[in-house]
Structure formats: structure tokens, C-alpha cells
C-alpha atoms as a PDB file:
ATOM      1  CA  UNK A   1     -30.538 -66.809 -14.264  1.00  0.00           C
ATOM      2  CA  UNK A   2     -32.884 -64.125 -13.014  1.00  0.00           C
ATOM      3  CA  UNK A   3     -35.007 -62.114 -15.423  1.00  0.00           C
ATOM      4  CA  UNK A   4     -33.945 -58.659 -16.415  1.00  0.00           C
ATOM      5  CA  UNK A   5     -36.362 -55.745 -16.244  1.00  0.00           C
ATOM      6  CA  UNK A   6     -35.993 -53.277 -19.083  1.00  0.00           C
ATOM      7  CA  UNK A   7     -38.142 -50.163 -19.205  1.00  0.00           C
ATOM      8  CA  UNK A   8     -40.685 -50.044 -22.032  1.00  0.00           C
ATOM      9  CA  UNK A   9     -39.665 -47.942 -25.046  1.00  0.00           C
ATOM     10  CA  UNK A  10     -42.965 -46.933 -26.644  1.00  0.00           C
ATOM     11  CA  UNK A  11     -41.143 -45.205 -29.507  1.00  0.00           C
ATOM     12  CA  UNK A  12     -40.369 -48.678 -30.913  1.00  0.00           C
ATOM     13  CA  UNK A  13     -43.926 -49.651 -31.855  1.00  0.00           C
ATOM     14  CA  UNK A  14     -47.527 -50.239 -30.870  1.00  0.00           C
ATOM     15  CA  UNK A  15     -47.537 -52.374 -27.711  1.00  0.00           C
ATOM     16  CA  UNK A  16     -51.102 -53.481 -28.532  1.00  0.00           C
ATOM     17  CA  UNK A  17     -49.831 -55.654 -31.399  1.00  0.00           C
ATOM     18  CA  UNK A  18     -47.764 -58.797 -30.981  1.00  0.00           C
ATOM     19  CA  UNK A  19     -44.825 -57.430 -32.976  1.00  0.00           C
ATOM     20  CA  UNK A  20     -45.004 -54.049 -31.284  1.00  0.00           C
ATOM     21  CA  UNK A  21     -45.206 -55.599 -27.822  1.00  0.00           C
ATOM     22  CA  UNK A  22     -41.944 -57.484 -28.350  1.00  0.00           C
ATOM     23  CA  UNK A  23     -40.237 -54.350 -29.709  1.00  0.00           C
ATOM     24  CA  UNK A  24     -41.516 -52.048 -26.949  1.00  0.00           C
ATOM     25  CA  UNK A  25     -40.826 -54.407 -24.051  1.00  0.00           C
ATOM     26  CA  UNK A  26     -37.763 -56.241 -25.383  1.00  0.00           C
ATOM     27  CA  UNK A  27     -39.299 -59.652 -24.661  1.00  0.00           C
ATOM     28  CA  UNK A  28     -42.023 -61.925 -26.005  1.00  0.00           C
ATOM     29  CA  UNK A  29     -45.589 -61.455 -24.856  1.00  0.00           C
ATOM     30  CA  UNK A  30     -46.980 -64.032 -22.449  1.00  0.00           C
ATOM     31  CA  UNK A  31     -50.525 -65.205 -21.841  1.00  0.00           C
ATOM     32  CA  UNK A  32     -52.393 -67.427 -19.436  1.00  0.00           C
ATOM     33  CA  UNK A  33     -54.145 -70.092 -21.457  1.00  0.00           C
ATOM     34  CA  UNK A  34     -57.648 -71.350 -20.823  1.00  0.00           C
ATOM     35  CA  UNK A  35     -55.959 -74.466 -19.412  1.00  0.00           C
ATOM     36  CA  UNK A  36     -54.433 -72.383 -16.617  1.00  0.00           C
ATOM     37  CA  UNK A  37     -50.886 -72.700 -17.961  1.00  0.00           C
ATOM     38  CA  UNK A  38     -48.514 -69.933 -19.040  1.00  0.00           C
ATOM     39  CA  UNK A  39     -47.476 -69.453 -22.663  1.00  0.00           C
ATOM     40  CA  UNK A  40     -45.004 -67.094 -24.286  1.00  0.00           C
ATOM     41  CA  UNK A  41     -45.330 -66.395 -27.989  1.00  0.00           C
ATOM     42  CA  UNK A  42     -42.929 -65.799 -30.854  1.00  0.00           C
ATOM     43  CA  UNK A  43     -43.445 -64.986 -34.505  1.00  0.00           C
ATOM     44  CA  UNK A  44     -41.703 -67.596 -36.657  1.00  0.00           C
ATOM     45  CA  UNK A  45     -41.118 -67.464 -40.405  1.00  0.00           C
ATOM     46  CA  UNK A  46     -40.379 -70.420 -42.669  1.00  0.00           C
ATOM     47  CA  UNK A  47     -40.222 -71.117 -46.389  1.00  0.00           C
ATOM     48  CA  UNK A  48     -43.633 -72.145 -47.735  1.00  0.00           C
ATOM     49  CA  UNK A  49     -42.394 -74.144 -50.702  1.00  0.00           C
ATOM     50  CA  UNK A  50     -44.642 -72.025 -52.943  1.00  0.00           C
ATOM     51  CA  UNK A  51     -42.810 -69.913 -55.534  1.00  0.00           C
ATOM     52  CA  UNK A  52     -45.480 -67.189 -55.681  1.00  0.00           C
ATOM     53  CA  UNK A  53     -45.400 -66.637 -51.863  1.00  0.00           C
ATOM     54  CA  UNK A  54     -42.099 -68.129 -50.667  1.00  0.00           C
ATOM     55  CA  UNK A  55     -42.320 -67.048 -47.000  1.00  0.00           C
ATOM     56  CA  UNK A  56     -44.933 -67.814 -44.379  1.00  0.00           C
ATOM     57  CA  UNK A  57     -45.199 -66.699 -40.770  1.00  0.00           C
ATOM     58  CA  UNK A  58     -47.023 -68.237 -37.830  1.00  0.00           C
ATOM     59  CA  UNK A  59     -47.242 -68.033 -34.047  1.00  0.00           C
ATOM     60  CA  UNK A  60     -45.312 -70.429 -31.822  1.00  0.00           C
ATOM     61  CA  UNK A  61     -46.637 -70.637 -28.252  1.00  0.00           C
ATOM     62  CA  UNK A  62     -44.145 -72.073 -25.756  1.00  0.00           C
ATOM     63  CA  UNK A  63     -45.916 -73.741 -22.833  1.00  0.00           C
ATOM     64  CA  UNK A  64     -44.238 -73.334 -19.441  1.00  0.00           C
ATOM     65  CA  UNK A  65     -44.418 -75.555 -16.383  1.00  0.00           C
ATOM     66  CA  UNK A  66     -46.540 -74.776 -13.353  1.00  0.00           C
ATOM     67  CA  UNK A  67     -46.065 -71.618 -11.292  1.00  0.00           C
ATOM     68  CA  UNK A  68     -42.387 -70.741 -11.126  1.00  0.00           C
ATOM     69  CA  UNK A  69     -41.453 -73.165 -13.894  1.00  0.00           C
ATOM     70  CA  UNK A  70     -38.303 -72.225 -15.758  1.00  0.00           C
ATOM     71  CA  UNK A  71     -38.365 -74.898 -18.442  1.00  0.00           C
ATOM     72  CA  UNK A  72     -40.710 -75.278 -21.377  1.00  0.00           C
ATOM     73  CA  UNK A  73     -42.929 -78.347 -21.205  1.00  0.00           C
ATOM     74  CA  UNK A  74     -44.572 -78.165 -24.620  1.00  0.00           C
ATOM     75  CA  UNK A  75     -45.706 -75.933 -27.419  1.00  0.00           C
ATOM     76  CA  UNK A  76     -48.579 -75.097 -29.740  1.00  0.00           C
ATOM     77  CA  UNK A  77     -48.346 -73.469 -33.140  1.00  0.00           C
ATOM     78  CA  UNK A  78     -50.734 -71.995 -35.649  1.00  0.00           C
ATOM     79  CA  UNK A  79     -50.746 -72.726 -39.347  1.00  0.00           C
ATOM     80  CA  UNK A  80     -49.253 -70.028 -41.554  1.00  0.00           C
ATOM     81  CA  UNK A  81     -51.137 -66.818 -40.776  1.00  0.00           C
ATOM     82  CA  UNK A  82     -49.443 -64.842 -43.549  1.00  0.00           C
ATOM     83  CA  UNK A  83     -47.573 -65.578 -46.750  1.00  0.00           C
ATOM     84  CA  UNK A  84     -45.413 -63.019 -48.525  1.00  0.00           C
ATOM     85  CA  UNK A  85     -42.541 -62.492 -50.924  1.00  0.00           C
ATOM     86  CA  UNK A  86     -40.024 -61.887 -48.129  1.00  0.00           C
ATOM     87  CA  UNK A  87     -39.488 -63.191 -44.621  1.00  0.00           C
ATOM     88  CA  UNK A  88     -39.654 -59.649 -43.233  1.00  0.00           C
ATOM     89  CA  UNK A  89     -43.014 -58.995 -44.924  1.00  0.00           C
ATOM     90  CA  UNK A  90     -44.524 -62.239 -43.597  1.00  0.00           C
ATOM     91  CA  UNK A  91     -43.308 -61.429 -40.074  1.00  0.00           C
ATOM     92  CA  UNK A  92     -44.664 -57.872 -40.321  1.00  0.00           C
ATOM     93  CA  UNK A  93     -48.131 -59.095 -41.318  1.00  0.00           C
ATOM     94  CA  UNK A  94     -48.320 -61.457 -38.333  1.00  0.00           C
ATOM     95  CA  UNK A  95     -46.677 -58.834 -36.124  1.00  0.00           C
ATOM     96  CA  UNK A  96     -49.627 -56.512 -36.788  1.00  0.00           C
ATOM     97  CA  UNK A  97     -52.068 -58.895 -35.065  1.00  0.00           C
ATOM     98  CA  UNK A  98     -53.523 -57.439 -31.884  1.00  0.00           C
ATOM     99  CA  UNK A  99     -52.792 -59.059 -28.549  1.00  0.00           C
ATOM    100  CA  UNK A 100     -56.485 -60.004 -28.388  1.00  0.00           C
ATOM    101  CA  UNK A 101     -56.252 -61.814 -31.732  1.00  0.00           C
ATOM    102  CA  UNK A 102     -53.147 -63.673 -30.554  1.00  0.00           C
ATOM    103  CA  UNK A 103     -54.836 -64.645 -27.273  1.00  0.00           C
ATOM    104  CA  UNK A 104     -57.853 -65.914 -29.249  1.00  0.00           C
ATOM    105  CA  UNK A 105     -55.531 -68.009 -31.433  1.00  0.00           C
ATOM    106  CA  UNK A 106     -53.933 -69.529 -28.312  1.00  0.00           C
ATOM    107  CA  UNK A 107     -57.320 -70.343 -26.787  1.00  0.00           C
ATOM    108  CA  UNK A 108     -58.475 -71.949 -30.039  1.00  0.00           C
ATOM    109  CA  UNK A 109     -55.326 -74.126 -30.140  1.00  0.00           C
ATOM    110  CA  UNK A 110     -55.830 -75.197 -26.516  1.00  0.00           C
ATOM    111  CA  UNK A 111     -59.466 -76.109 -27.230  1.00  0.00           C
ATOM    112  CA  UNK A 112     -58.411 -78.038 -30.339  1.00  0.00           C
ATOM    113  CA  UNK A 113     -55.768 -79.949 -28.371  1.00  0.00           C
ATOM    114  CA  UNK A 114     -58.371 -80.771 -25.709  1.00  0.00           C
ATOM    115  CA  UNK A 115     -60.756 -82.039 -28.373  1.00  0.00           C
ATOM    116  CA  UNK A 116     -63.141 -79.168 -27.712  1.00  0.00           C
ATOM    117  CA  UNK A 117     -63.537 -80.187 -24.064  1.00  0.00           C
ATOM    118  CA  UNK A 118     -63.652 -77.426 -21.456  1.00  0.00           C
ATOM    119  CA  UNK A 119     -60.246 -76.507 -20.084  1.00  0.00           C
ATOM    120  CA  UNK A 120     -59.381 -75.687 -16.472  1.00  0.00           C
ATOM    121  CA  UNK A 121     -58.170 -72.454 -14.905  1.00  0.00           C
ATOM    122  CA  UNK A 122     -54.954 -72.600 -12.852  1.00  0.00           C
ATOM    123  CA  UNK A 123     -56.782 -72.474  -9.511  1.00  0.00           C
ATOM    124  CA  UNK A 124     -58.910 -75.451 -10.510  1.00  0.00           C
ATOM    125  CA  UNK A 125     -55.841 -77.403 -11.552  1.00  0.00           C
ATOM    126  CA  UNK A 126     -54.060 -76.595  -8.278  1.00  0.00           C
ATOM    127  CA  UNK A 127     -57.110 -77.662  -6.235  1.00  0.00           C
ATOM    128  CA  UNK A 128     -57.333 -80.921  -8.195  1.00  0.00           C
ATOM    129  CA  UNK A 129     -53.641 -81.592  -7.508  1.00  0.00           C
ATOM    130  CA  UNK A 130     -54.200 -81.258  -3.747  1.00  0.00           C
ATOM    131  CA  UNK A 131     -52.566 -77.875  -3.189  1.00  0.00           C
ATOM    132  CA  UNK A 132     -53.740 -76.175   0.020  1.00  0.00           C
ATOM    133  CA  UNK A 133     -56.447 -73.532  -0.322  1.00  0.00           C
ATOM    134  CA  UNK A 134     -55.149 -69.979   0.050  1.00  0.00           C
ATOM    135  CA  UNK A 135     -58.193 -68.969   2.086  1.00  0.00           C
ATOM    136  CA  UNK A 136     -57.569 -71.584   4.786  1.00  0.00           C
ATOM    137  CA  UNK A 137     -59.879 -74.292   3.452  1.00  0.00           C
ATOM    138  CA  UNK A 138     -58.708 -77.695   2.323  1.00  0.00           C
END
């Protein structure tokens, strides 16, 4: 199934926040991770189990396969980033995070998964896997 391009509707929110981006563009935001892989992000809300703040929201990063991949190959998720009385309030708090804050959260999760070791950019990963150089080298 091919993707569908919808024009941005900037009357729906601030595209510089994660919640506004999804509303304006009609799709989740996507980022390149410090590991060179692609990630899309969703705001997820779940019960916290705490009566004083029953709802929590966090970011779920879906990791996609190499270039052109159409299937998820993994995921990363933050801890609760907001707790509130309602699901909508918890989502709204996380939805107000800037795209830069969300990208920083993704990079921190990748570094944590890698044990703090440096991660590779996509071109380094492709070179290490033996892909031909685009500039004619080997």
C-alpha cells in the first residue's frame, strides 16, 4: 500500500510540537536515530495504577527496517512523561513537547540501549554491510 500525501493543515495546531505535528500533517512524526535507523513516534496513554494521577502518557518509537523497509523491526519507549487525572490531559501534556525534545528523548533511548556506546549513522552502517559507495569508491 503506497503512502498518501495529505496537505498540511496548520490551523490544527503547532507543527513544532509532537502533538501538533501529528494533527497538522495527519501522520506521526518520524526521526532518524543516532543509530542511522528510522523511527516514527506516537503518544500512548495508559493507566498508572495511582489513584491521585490515574493516567500517564509516554512516547513509543517504532523502529523501521533499513531504507525502504515497510515493517517495524523493534521499538523503544520512554517512561511516563506526564501523569494526569484524565487520558486526554496526559496526552496533551506530552503532546506539547517540542520536536527537539522528542528527538533528544529518542537519542537518549538509543544510547541507553547501546550501553552508552557511540552509535552509527546510516552511511556508516551501509558501508560496514558492504553496500557500494555512491561516489564510485568501494
